[in-house]
């Protein structure tokens, strides 16, 4: 299942392909619209579930990985 972040990014990309914005102002508008798609989806799901879908217990944590170190470790 794609995350809401992925949904926002995909929505933004498709909006840009369709509307072909020019300049920073129009591109910012597309980015906000794409983010709103993800927000509406999240809010809709939370309403149907009756509980938050993103919590401190289930959020993703990202760890920086040094690719060069991984390569050295494999040797």
N, C-alpha and C. Protein backbone atom coordinates (compact mmCIF):
# COMPACT_ATOMS: atom_id res chain seq x y z
N UNK A 1 0.84 -1.18 0.00
CA UNK A 1 0.00 0.00 0.00
C UNK A 1 0.88 1.24 0.00
N UNK A 2 0.60 2.16 -0.86
CA UNK A 2 1.38 3.39 -0.93
C UNK A 2 1.05 4.28 0.27
N UNK A 3 2.02 5.03 0.71
CA UNK A 3 1.79 5.94 1.82
C UNK A 3 1.08 7.20 1.33
N UNK A 4 0.62 7.98 2.26
CA UNK A 4 -0.03 9.24 1.89
C UNK A 4 0.98 10.19 1.23
N UNK A 5 2.23 10.10 1.64
CA UNK A 5 3.28 10.91 1.01
C UNK A 5 3.41 10.54 -0.45
N UNK A 6 3.43 9.23 -0.72
CA UNK A 6 3.51 8.77 -2.11
C UNK A 6 2.31 9.27 -2.91
N UNK A 7 1.14 9.20 -2.30
CA UNK A 7 -0.07 9.66 -2.98
C UNK A 7 0.03 11.14 -3.33
N UNK A 8 0.51 11.94 -2.38
CA UNK A 8 0.68 13.36 -2.63
C UNK A 8 1.66 13.63 -3.75
N UNK A 9 2.77 12.88 -3.77
CA UNK A 9 3.77 13.07 -4.82
C UNK A 9 3.24 12.64 -6.18
N UNK A 10 2.54 11.53 -6.23
CA UNK A 10 1.97 11.06 -7.50
C UNK A 10 0.91 12.04 -7.99
N UNK A 11 0.06 12.50 -7.08
CA UNK A 11 -0.98 13.46 -7.47
C UNK A 11 -0.35 14.73 -8.02
N UNK A 12 0.70 15.22 -7.36
CA UNK A 12 1.38 16.42 -7.83
C UNK A 12 1.97 16.21 -9.21
N UNK A 13 2.65 15.08 -9.40
CA UNK A 13 3.27 14.78 -10.69
C UNK A 13 2.21 14.74 -11.80
N UNK A 14 1.09 14.09 -11.54
CA UNK A 14 0.04 13.98 -12.56
C UNK A 14 -0.62 15.33 -12.83
N UNK A 15 -0.80 16.14 -11.79
CA UNK A 15 -1.36 17.47 -11.98
C UNK A 15 -0.44 18.33 -12.85
N UNK A 16 0.86 18.22 -12.60
CA UNK A 16 1.84 18.98 -13.39
C UNK A 16 1.82 18.52 -14.84
N UNK A 17 1.74 17.20 -15.05
CA UNK A 17 1.68 16.69 -16.43
C UNK A 17 0.45 17.23 -17.16
N UNK A 18 -0.66 17.29 -16.46
CA UNK A 18 -1.93 17.70 -17.07
C UNK A 18 -1.99 19.22 -17.30
N UNK A 19 -1.61 19.99 -16.28
CA UNK A 19 -1.80 21.44 -16.33
C UNK A 19 -0.58 22.21 -16.84
N UNK A 20 0.58 21.56 -16.89
CA UNK A 20 1.81 22.16 -17.40
C UNK A 20 2.04 23.58 -16.84
N UNK A 21 2.26 23.68 -15.53
CA UNK A 21 2.45 25.00 -14.91
C UNK A 21 3.75 25.65 -15.36
N UNK A 22 3.77 26.98 -15.31
CA UNK A 22 4.96 27.75 -15.66
C UNK A 22 5.32 28.63 -14.47
N UNK A 23 6.57 28.60 -14.09
CA UNK A 23 7.03 29.47 -13.02
C UNK A 23 6.78 28.90 -11.64
N UNK A 24 7.42 29.53 -10.68
CA UNK A 24 7.37 29.07 -9.29
C UNK A 24 5.95 29.12 -8.72
N UNK A 25 5.24 30.21 -8.96
CA UNK A 25 3.90 30.38 -8.39
C UNK A 25 2.97 29.24 -8.82
N UNK A 26 2.93 28.95 -10.10
CA UNK A 26 2.04 27.89 -10.60
C UNK A 26 2.48 26.52 -10.12
N UNK A 27 3.80 26.29 -10.04
CA UNK A 27 4.29 25.01 -9.54
C UNK A 27 3.98 24.83 -8.07
N UNK A 28 4.06 25.91 -7.29
CA UNK A 28 3.68 25.82 -5.88
C UNK A 28 2.20 25.47 -5.72
N UNK A 29 1.38 26.04 -6.60
CA UNK A 29 -0.06 25.74 -6.56
C UNK A 29 -0.30 24.26 -6.84
N UNK A 30 0.43 23.69 -7.80
CA UNK A 30 0.30 22.26 -8.11
C UNK A 30 0.74 21.41 -6.93
N UNK A 31 1.84 21.82 -6.27
CA UNK A 31 2.33 21.08 -5.12
C UNK A 31 1.32 21.11 -3.97
N UNK A 32 0.72 22.27 -3.75
CA UNK A 32 -0.30 22.37 -2.69
C UNK A 32 -1.52 21.52 -3.03
N UNK A 33 -1.92 21.52 -4.30
CA UNK A 33 -3.08 20.72 -4.72
C UNK A 33 -2.79 19.24 -4.55
N UNK A 34 -1.58 18.80 -4.91
CA UNK A 34 -1.21 17.40 -4.73
C UNK A 34 -1.19 17.00 -3.28
N UNK A 35 -0.66 17.87 -2.43
CA UNK A 35 -0.66 17.61 -0.99
C UNK A 35 -2.06 17.54 -0.43
N UNK A 36 -2.95 18.36 -0.98
CA UNK A 36 -4.34 18.35 -0.52
C UNK A 36 -5.03 17.03 -0.86
N UNK A 37 -4.67 16.44 -2.00
CA UNK A 37 -5.23 15.13 -2.36
C UNK A 37 -4.91 14.12 -1.26
N UNK A 38 -3.66 14.11 -0.81
CA UNK A 38 -3.25 13.18 0.24
C UNK A 38 -3.94 13.50 1.56
N UNK A 39 -4.09 14.79 1.88
CA UNK A 39 -4.75 15.18 3.12
C UNK A 39 -6.21 14.73 3.14
N UNK A 40 -6.90 14.96 2.02
CA UNK A 40 -8.31 14.56 1.94
C UNK A 40 -8.44 13.04 2.07
N UNK A 41 -7.53 12.29 1.44
CA UNK A 41 -7.57 10.83 1.54
C UNK A 41 -7.34 10.38 2.98
N UNK A 42 -6.36 11.00 3.64
CA UNK A 42 -6.07 10.66 5.05
C UNK A 42 -7.27 10.99 5.94
N UNK A 43 -7.82 12.19 5.78
CA UNK A 43 -8.97 12.60 6.59
C UNK A 43 -10.17 11.68 6.36
N UNK A 44 -10.39 11.30 5.11
CA UNK A 44 -11.51 10.41 4.77
C UNK A 44 -11.33 9.04 5.43
N UNK A 45 -10.11 8.50 5.36
CA UNK A 45 -9.85 7.20 5.98
C UNK A 45 -10.02 7.27 7.49
N UNK A 46 -9.50 8.33 8.10
CA UNK A 46 -9.64 8.47 9.55
C UNK A 46 -11.10 8.59 9.96
N UNK A 47 -11.89 9.28 9.15
CA UNK A 47 -13.32 9.41 9.44
C UNK A 47 -14.00 8.05 9.39
N UNK A 48 -13.67 7.25 8.38
CA UNK A 48 -14.28 5.94 8.24
C UNK A 48 -13.83 4.97 9.34
N UNK A 49 -12.57 5.09 9.76
CA UNK A 49 -12.04 4.21 10.80
C UNK A 49 -12.42 4.67 12.20
N UNK A 50 -12.64 5.96 12.33
CA UNK A 50 -12.95 6.51 13.64
C UNK A 50 -11.73 6.66 14.53
N UNK A 51 -10.55 6.67 13.91
CA UNK A 51 -9.30 6.83 14.68
C UNK A 51 -8.20 7.34 13.76
N UNK A 52 -7.16 7.91 14.35
CA UNK A 52 -6.04 8.39 13.53
C UNK A 52 -5.31 7.23 12.86
N UNK A 53 -4.82 7.46 11.65
CA UNK A 53 -4.07 6.41 10.97
C UNK A 53 -2.56 6.60 11.10
N UNK A 54 -2.13 7.80 11.46
CA UNK A 54 -0.72 8.06 11.66
C UNK A 54 -0.52 8.47 13.11
N UNK A 55 0.23 7.65 13.82
CA UNK A 55 0.48 7.89 15.23
C UNK A 55 1.97 7.77 15.52
N UNK A 56 2.37 8.11 16.74
CA UNK A 56 3.78 7.94 17.13
C UNK A 56 4.18 6.47 17.09
N UNK A 57 3.23 5.59 17.32
CA UNK A 57 3.54 4.16 17.35
C UNK A 57 3.74 3.55 15.96
N UNK A 58 3.13 4.12 14.93
CA UNK A 58 3.23 3.49 13.61
C UNK A 58 3.93 4.36 12.56
N UNK A 59 4.51 5.49 13.00
CA UNK A 59 5.19 6.32 11.99
C UNK A 59 6.50 5.66 11.56
N UNK A 60 6.92 5.98 10.35
CA UNK A 60 8.15 5.41 9.82
C UNK A 60 9.34 6.21 10.31
N UNK A 61 10.40 5.53 10.66
CA UNK A 61 11.63 6.21 11.01
C UNK A 61 12.66 5.86 9.96
N UNK A 62 13.37 6.85 9.52
CA UNK A 62 14.36 6.65 8.48
C UNK A 62 15.76 6.75 9.08
N UNK A 63 16.61 5.87 8.64
CA UNK A 63 17.97 5.83 9.12
C UNK A 63 18.89 6.09 7.94
N UNK A 64 19.86 6.99 8.12
CA UNK A 64 20.81 7.29 7.06
C UNK A 64 21.71 6.08 6.87
N UNK A 65 21.88 5.68 5.63
CA UNK A 65 22.74 4.54 5.31
C UNK A 65 23.88 5.05 4.44
N UNK A 66 25.10 4.76 4.85
CA UNK A 66 26.28 5.16 4.10
C UNK A 66 26.61 4.03 3.13
N UNK A 67 26.31 4.23 1.84
CA UNK A 67 26.53 3.19 0.84
C UNK A 67 27.99 2.77 0.75
N UNK A 68 28.92 3.70 0.91
CA UNK A 68 30.34 3.34 0.84
C UNK A 68 30.72 2.40 1.97
N UNK A 69 30.17 2.64 3.16
CA UNK A 69 30.46 1.76 4.28
C UNK A 69 29.88 0.37 4.02
N UNK A 70 28.71 0.30 3.45
CA UNK A 70 28.10 -0.99 3.14
C UNK A 70 28.98 -1.77 2.16
N UNK A 71 29.50 -1.09 1.17
CA UNK A 71 30.37 -1.74 0.18
C UNK A 71 31.64 -2.27 0.86
N UNK A 72 32.23 -1.46 1.76
CA UNK A 72 33.43 -1.90 2.47
C UNK A 72 33.13 -3.09 3.36
N UNK A 73 31.96 -3.09 3.99
CA UNK A 73 31.59 -4.20 4.88
C UNK A 73 31.42 -5.51 4.11
N UNK A 74 31.02 -5.41 2.84
CA UNK A 74 30.80 -6.62 2.03
C UNK A 74 32.10 -7.24 1.55
N UNK A 75 33.20 -6.49 1.60
CA UNK A 75 34.50 -7.00 1.12
C UNK A 75 35.09 -8.00 2.06
